[in-house]
Amino acid sequence: MFGPGVTQSATGVSYGTNAVAAIYCGPSLVWSLPSGPADVSASGGTVVAYSENGTNFTAHIFTESGTLTVTAGGSVEVLVIAGGGGGSCGGGGAGGMTNGVVSVSAGAIAVTVGAGGLGTVGTYVGDPGVGPRGYNGEDSAFQSVTAIGGGGGGANAIDSSGANGGSGGGAGSGGTAPGGAGVAGQGKDGGANDPTPEQYPAGGGGGCGSVGGVPPDYGTGGNGGDGIQLSISGSPSWYAAGGGGGTYIDGVGGSGGSGIGGSGSGVPGVNGGDGAPNTGSGGGGAVAAGFSASGGNGGSGIVIVRYVTRQ
């Protein structure tokens, strides 16, 4: 649905008794706001009040797990992003992104913000076939709205395919391997590797905005998939990009998606970059050929709850 570098408003321009369309990684979500004064009142997280297209909103931003304490219930919109996958040789996939409108009642509601997956050493020194994939990110959730953690990047030779996740991890080095599959409506697939003999650069992790990149040549890792820019927090922010792929030997690592995914490394002994915190972005991959460098860690997720405040 989205191409590279896509920018979307978190919500459409019609309010009151009209339908409001919110579009993220999946199909558009259409919902109706109640007429009359706003009913919702709550505390928890970082609270931001702002106006968008002439409508006043209150947003509760959770950068770690916590509690939304509701004193007056009603309908709220939620954006849920899981933790990004860790890199190995391949880049980690972005955490899944999903949204919904749910009804909340007075009381305490648990908010779960997933941690990013740890990066791993795709090749151990002296044994180039036993490195593990990067770890998947953890899920994030608010009531029934759950986002799936991003897939870890593939390793060298064994476990070289990217892991499935919210967005799939990029394939690692060694042989021909695919990227991991993303969850429909939450993310995109990771990129495959380049099976050029004795080179094997790794694929980039998938992002919300686009699939992970395939290596453009034998010495360059694939770029991480693009994220998406939303303003649901009150200001434009980028979320859910993939990590760039590493290389087999000296080369050029793939770029992290949208400036928030971890960059891949093409330098022996240099770790892949970490995904930006609270964006759900994947970690970058590292060089595979026995140098003990680690892929980057995935970025933690985020949960944002907002509602209209009529004045």
Protein backbone atom coordinates (compact mmCIF):
# COMPACT_ATOMS: atom_id res chain seq x y z
CA MET A 1 0.00 0.00 0.00
CA PHE A 2 2.80 2.43 0.82
CA GLY A 3 5.86 3.25 -1.26
CA PRO A 4 9.29 4.38 -0.06
CA GLY A 5 9.35 7.47 2.11
CA VAL A 6 5.57 7.57 2.46
CA THR A 7 4.05 10.17 4.77
CA GLN A 8 0.54 9.70 6.15
CA SER A 9 -1.58 11.73 8.52
CA ALA A 10 -2.69 9.67 11.51
CA THR A 11 -6.30 10.62 10.90
CA GLY A 12 -8.50 12.04 8.17
CA VAL A 13 -10.05 15.47 8.07
CA SER A 14 -13.71 14.79 8.94
CA TYR A 15 -14.88 14.71 12.55
CA GLY A 16 -18.01 15.01 14.70
CA THR A 17 -20.72 12.68 13.41
CA ASN A 18 -18.76 12.02 10.20
CA ALA A 19 -16.51 9.04 9.61
CA VAL A 20 -12.81 9.39 10.33
CA ALA A 21 -10.34 7.29 8.31
CA ALA A 22 -7.05 6.26 9.90
CA ILE A 23 -4.55 4.50 7.65
CA TYR A 24 -1.42 2.71 8.82
CA CYS A 25 0.22 -0.44 7.45
CA GLY A 26 -3.05 -2.22 6.77
CA PRO A 27 -6.45 -1.37 5.32
CA SER A 28 -8.05 1.94 6.20
CA LEU A 29 -9.95 2.01 9.45
CA VAL A 30 -13.24 3.91 9.46
CA TRP A 31 -14.97 4.93 12.67
CA SER A 32 -17.41 7.52 13.96
CA LEU A 33 -16.94 9.87 16.88
CA PRO A 34 -19.85 10.50 19.21
CA SER A 35 -21.57 13.86 18.96
CA GLY A 36 -21.64 16.29 21.87
CA PRO A 37 -19.02 16.83 24.59
CA ALA A 38 -16.10 14.43 24.84
CA ASP A 39 -16.63 11.71 27.43
CA VAL A 40 -13.12 10.33 27.88
CA SER A 41 -10.85 11.37 30.74
CA ALA A 42 -7.69 9.48 31.62
CA SER A 43 -4.16 9.65 32.99
CA GLY A 44 -0.97 7.73 32.35
CA GLY A 45 2.04 7.90 30.07
CA THR A 46 3.25 11.21 28.70
CA VAL A 47 0.19 13.38 28.07
CA VAL A 48 0.17 15.74 25.06
CA ALA A 49 -2.70 18.05 24.08
CA TYR A 50 -2.74 19.37 20.51
CA SER A 51 -4.94 20.45 17.62
CA GLU A 52 -5.04 18.81 14.19
CA ASN A 53 -7.15 20.14 11.32
CA GLY A 54 -9.17 22.20 13.79
CA THR A 55 -9.91 19.33 16.17
CA ASN A 56 -8.46 19.11 19.68
CA PHE A 57 -6.87 15.84 20.77
CA THR A 58 -5.34 14.45 23.94
CA ALA A 59 -2.67 11.76 23.44
CA HIS A 60 -1.17 9.43 26.06
CA ILE A 61 2.25 8.24 24.88
CA PHE A 62 3.69 5.07 26.45
CA THR A 63 7.38 4.44 25.79
CA GLU A 64 7.44 1.57 28.29
CA SER A 65 4.82 -0.72 29.76
CA GLY A 66 2.46 0.99 32.18
CA THR A 67 -1.17 1.71 33.00
CA LEU A 68 -3.81 3.95 31.47
CA THR A 69 -6.14 4.97 34.31
CA VAL A 70 -9.54 5.90 32.90
CA THR A 71 -11.84 8.08 35.01
CA ALA A 72 -14.52 8.58 32.35
CA GLY A 73 -14.92 6.05 29.53
CA GLY A 74 -15.67 6.29 25.83
CA SER A 75 -14.05 5.56 22.46
CA VAL A 76 -10.31 6.01 21.96
CA GLU A 77 -7.98 5.51 19.03
CA VAL A 78 -4.83 3.47 19.66
CA LEU A 79 -1.59 3.04 17.72
CA VAL A 80 0.42 -0.02 18.78
CA ILE A 81 3.97 -0.74 17.55
CA ALA A 82 5.97 -3.80 18.64
CA GLY A 83 9.70 -4.03 19.27
CA GLY A 84 11.96 -4.33 16.24
CA GLY A 85 13.96 -7.47 15.45
CA GLY A 86 17.67 -7.74 16.21
CA GLY A 87 20.22 -7.92 13.44
CA SER A 88 22.69 -10.75 12.79
CA CYS A 89 24.19 -10.75 9.31
CA GLY A 90 20.82 -9.76 7.88
CA GLY A 91 19.00 -6.66 9.12
CA GLY A 92 16.21 -7.00 11.68
CA GLY A 93 12.61 -6.42 10.63
CA ALA A 94 10.49 -3.63 12.07
CA GLY A 95 7.99 -4.39 14.78
CA GLY A 96 4.44 -4.78 13.57
CA MET A 97 2.29 -1.65 13.50
CA THR A 98 -1.46 -1.75 13.97
CA ASN A 99 -4.25 0.52 15.11
CA GLY A 100 -7.85 0.41 16.17
CA VAL A 101 -10.66 2.14 17.96
CA VAL A 102 -11.70 0.57 21.23
CA SER A 103 -14.16 1.39 23.98
CA VAL A 104 -12.67 2.00 27.41
CA SER A 105 -14.43 1.99 30.76
CA ALA A 106 -13.42 3.56 34.05
CA GLY A 107 -10.58 1.64 35.66
CA ALA A 108 -6.96 0.62 35.07
CA ILE A 109 -5.91 -0.73 31.67
CA ALA A 110 -2.55 -2.45 31.22
CA VAL A 111 -0.38 -1.15 28.39
CA THR A 112 2.36 -3.44 27.07
CA VAL A 113 5.30 -1.98 25.16
CA GLY A 114 7.57 -4.62 23.63
CA ALA A 115 11.35 -4.52 23.90
CA GLY A 116 13.53 -4.72 20.81
CA GLY A 117 15.17 -8.05 19.99
CA LEU A 118 18.85 -8.51 20.74
CA GLY A 119 21.37 -8.57 17.94
CA THR A 120 23.60 -11.64 17.60
CA VAL A 121 26.98 -12.65 16.19
CA GLY A 122 26.05 -14.35 12.94
CA THR A 123 29.37 -16.20 12.70
CA TYR A 124 31.52 -17.37 15.59
CA VAL A 125 35.28 -17.17 15.08
CA GLY A 126 36.63 -20.53 13.96
CA ASP A 127 33.20 -22.00 13.22
CA PRO A 128 31.48 -20.08 10.44
CA GLY A 129 28.30 -22.16 10.41
CA VAL A 130 26.81 -21.94 13.89
CA GLY A 131 25.83 -18.31 14.40
CA PRO A 132 22.17 -17.76 15.38
CA ARG A 133 19.63 -15.39 13.89
CA GLY A 134 18.92 -12.12 15.62
CA TYR A 135 16.19 -12.33 18.23
CA ASN A 136 12.65 -11.30 17.40
CA GLY A 137 11.24 -8.18 19.06
CA GLU A 138 8.55 -8.47 21.71
CA ASP A 139 4.84 -7.86 21.06
CA SER A 140 3.08 -4.67 22.16
CA ALA A 141 -0.60 -4.55 23.13
CA PHE A 142 -3.50 -2.42 24.33
CA GLN A 143 -6.62 -4.44 25.13
CA SER A 144 -7.48 -6.41 21.96
CA VAL A 145 -5.05 -4.50 19.71
CA THR A 146 -1.78 -6.43 19.45
CA ALA A 147 1.28 -5.79 17.29
CA ILE A 148 3.71 -8.64 16.55
CA GLY A 149 7.44 -8.27 17.23
CA GLY A 150 9.78 -7.79 14.28
CA GLY A 151 11.70 -10.76 12.85
CA GLY A 152 15.39 -11.25 13.58
CA GLY A 153 17.96 -11.00 10.81
CA GLY A 154 19.37 -14.20 9.31
CA ALA A 155 22.81 -15.53 10.29
CA ASN A 156 25.61 -17.05 8.18
CA ALA A 157 25.13 -20.46 6.50
CA ILE A 158 22.95 -22.12 9.18
CA ASP A 159 19.78 -20.15 9.99
CA SER A 160 20.53 -17.81 7.10
CA SER A 161 16.88 -17.15 6.25
CA GLY A 162 15.34 -14.13 7.96
CA ALA A 163 12.86 -14.78 10.77
CA ASN A 164 9.15 -14.13 10.32
CA GLY A 165 7.67 -11.31 12.38
CA GLY A 166 5.63 -8.11 12.26
CA SER A 167 8.00 -7.23 9.44
CA GLY A 168 10.36 -9.99 8.35
CA GLY A 169 14.09 -10.08 9.04
CA GLY A 170 16.54 -9.84 6.15
CA ALA A 171 18.31 -12.98 4.93
CA GLY A 172 21.84 -13.56 6.20
CA SER A 173 24.95 -14.69 4.38
CA GLY A 174 25.67 -18.08 2.87
CA GLY A 175 23.81 -19.81 0.07
CA THR A 176 20.51 -18.62 -1.32
CA ALA A 177 18.08 -17.63 1.43
CA PRO A 178 14.82 -15.66 1.63
CA GLY A 179 13.87 -12.87 3.96
CA GLY A 180 11.31 -13.52 6.67
CA ALA A 181 7.61 -12.94 6.08
CA GLY A 182 5.82 -9.94 7.57
CA VAL A 183 2.36 -10.10 9.13
CA ALA A 184 -0.31 -8.96 6.67
CA GLY A 185 -1.53 -5.49 7.61
CA GLN A 186 1.29 -4.93 10.12
CA GLY A 187 4.49 -4.93 8.09
CA LYS A 188 6.42 -6.12 5.06
CA ASP A 189 8.76 -8.99 4.15
CA GLY A 190 12.51 -8.94 4.67
CA GLY A 191 14.91 -8.88 1.71
CA ALA A 192 16.62 -11.96 0.27
CA ASN A 193 20.41 -12.22 0.15
CA ASP A 194 22.76 -12.26 -2.83
CA PRO A 195 24.11 -15.79 -3.42
CA THR A 196 27.07 -14.60 -5.49
CA PRO A 197 29.84 -17.15 -4.80
CA GLU A 198 32.13 -16.24 -1.90
CA GLN A 199 30.47 -12.85 -1.28
CA TYR A 200 26.94 -13.39 0.10
CA PRO A 201 25.88 -9.90 1.23
CA ALA A 202 22.78 -9.94 3.43
CA GLY A 203 19.28 -8.59 2.93
CA GLY A 204 17.66 -5.67 4.73
CA GLY A 205 14.83 -6.08 7.21
CA GLY A 206 11.30 -5.20 6.16
CA GLY A 207 9.57 -2.02 7.33
CA CYS A 208 6.04 -0.74 7.52
CA GLY A 209 6.46 1.31 4.35
CA SER A 210 8.31 -1.13 2.08
CA VAL A 211 9.94 -4.55 1.88
CA GLY A 212 13.55 -5.02 2.89
CA GLY A 213 16.12 -4.39 0.19
CA VAL A 214 17.97 -7.06 -1.77
CA PRO A 215 21.76 -6.44 -2.06
CA PRO A 216 22.39 -4.35 -5.20
CA ASP A 217 25.78 -6.00 -5.85
CA TYR A 218 28.11 -8.57 -4.35
CA GLY A 219 29.80 -6.14 -1.96
CA THR A 220 26.83 -4.19 -0.57
CA GLY A 221 24.15 -5.17 1.94
CA GLY A 222 20.48 -4.56 1.24
CA ASN A 223 18.85 -1.44 2.64
CA GLY A 224 16.29 -1.63 5.40
CA GLY A 225 12.65 -1.16 4.44
CA ASP A 226 11.14 2.27 4.87
CA GLY A 227 9.08 3.23 7.88
CA ILE A 228 6.10 5.55 7.98
CA GLN A 229 5.62 9.07 9.33
CA LEU A 230 2.59 9.75 11.54
CA SER A 231 1.41 12.69 13.63
CA ILE A 232 -0.74 10.87 16.17
CA SER A 233 1.62 11.97 18.98
CA GLY A 234 1.06 15.63 18.12
CA SER A 235 4.13 16.04 15.92
CA PRO A 236 5.41 14.19 12.83
CA SER A 237 7.50 11.17 13.79
CA TRP A 238 8.91 8.19 11.90
CA TYR A 239 8.14 4.64 12.99
CA ALA A 240 8.75 0.98 12.08
CA ALA A 241 11.69 0.87 9.64
CA GLY A 242 13.93 -2.10 8.84
CA GLY A 243 17.63 -2.54 9.61
CA GLY A 244 20.23 -2.58 6.84
CA GLY A 245 21.99 -5.82 5.86
CA GLY A 246 25.65 -6.57 6.51
CA THR A 247 28.24 -8.05 4.15
CA TYR A 248 30.23 -11.27 4.08
CA ILE A 249 33.65 -9.62 3.93
CA ASP A 250 34.77 -5.99 3.49
CA GLY A 251 32.12 -3.95 1.75
CA VAL A 252 29.34 -1.45 2.34
CA GLY A 253 26.55 -2.17 4.79
CA GLY A 254 22.97 -1.38 3.82
CA SER A 255 21.34 1.78 5.12
CA GLY A 256 18.75 1.63 7.88
CA GLY A 257 15.28 2.55 6.71
CA SER A 258 14.06 6.15 7.09
CA GLY A 259 17.02 7.13 9.27
CA ILE A 260 15.65 5.14 12.26
CA GLY A 261 16.51 1.55 11.30
CA GLY A 262 19.97 0.37 12.34
CA SER A 263 22.66 0.65 9.66
CA GLY A 264 24.34 -2.49 8.39
CA SER A 265 28.12 -2.83 8.78
CA GLY A 266 30.57 -3.63 6.01
CA VAL A 267 33.65 -3.30 8.22
CA PRO A 268 35.06 -6.42 9.92
CA GLY A 269 34.72 -6.25 13.70
CA VAL A 270 32.25 -3.35 13.67
CA ASN A 271 28.76 -4.03 15.03
CA GLY A 272 25.58 -3.19 13.16
CA GLY A 273 23.68 -0.12 14.33
CA ASP A 274 20.77 -0.27 16.77
CA GLY A 275 17.22 0.58 15.77
CA ALA A 276 16.03 3.89 17.22
CA PRO A 277 14.28 3.47 20.59
CA ASN A 278 10.47 3.68 20.72
CA THR A 279 10.15 3.42 16.95
CA GLY A 280 9.98 -0.37 16.65
CA SER A 281 12.77 -0.34 14.07
CA GLY A 282 15.11 -3.23 13.26
CA GLY A 283 18.81 -3.52 14.10
CA GLY A 284 21.46 -3.51 11.39
CA GLY A 285 23.43 -6.57 10.28
CA ALA A 286 27.18 -7.13 10.66
CA VAL A 287 30.02 -8.66 8.61
CA ALA A 288 29.69 -12.43 8.52
CA ALA A 289 33.15 -13.83 7.90
CA GLY A 290 34.31 -14.81 11.37
CA PHE A 291 35.04 -11.43 12.95
CA SER A 292 32.77 -11.73 16.03
CA ALA A 293 30.88 -8.53 15.28
CA SER A 294 27.25 -8.44 16.42
CA GLY A 295 24.17 -7.25 14.65
CA GLY A 296 22.46 -4.24 16.22
CA ASN A 297 19.62 -4.45 18.71
CA GLY A 298 16.07 -3.71 17.62
CA GLY A 299 14.38 -0.53 18.81
CA SER A 300 11.70 -0.76 21.50
CA GLY A 301 8.06 -0.27 20.57
CA ILE A 302 5.50 2.36 21.56
CA VAL A 303 1.78 2.63 22.33
CA ILE A 304 -0.18 5.85 21.79
CA VAL A 305 -3.78 6.33 22.95
CA ARG A 306 -5.68 9.43 21.90
CA TYR A 307 -9.17 10.87 21.96
CA VAL A 308 -10.97 14.01 20.89
CA THR A 309 -11.33 16.83 23.39
CA ARG A 310 -14.17 19.19 22.45
CA GLN A 311 -14.00 22.67 23.91
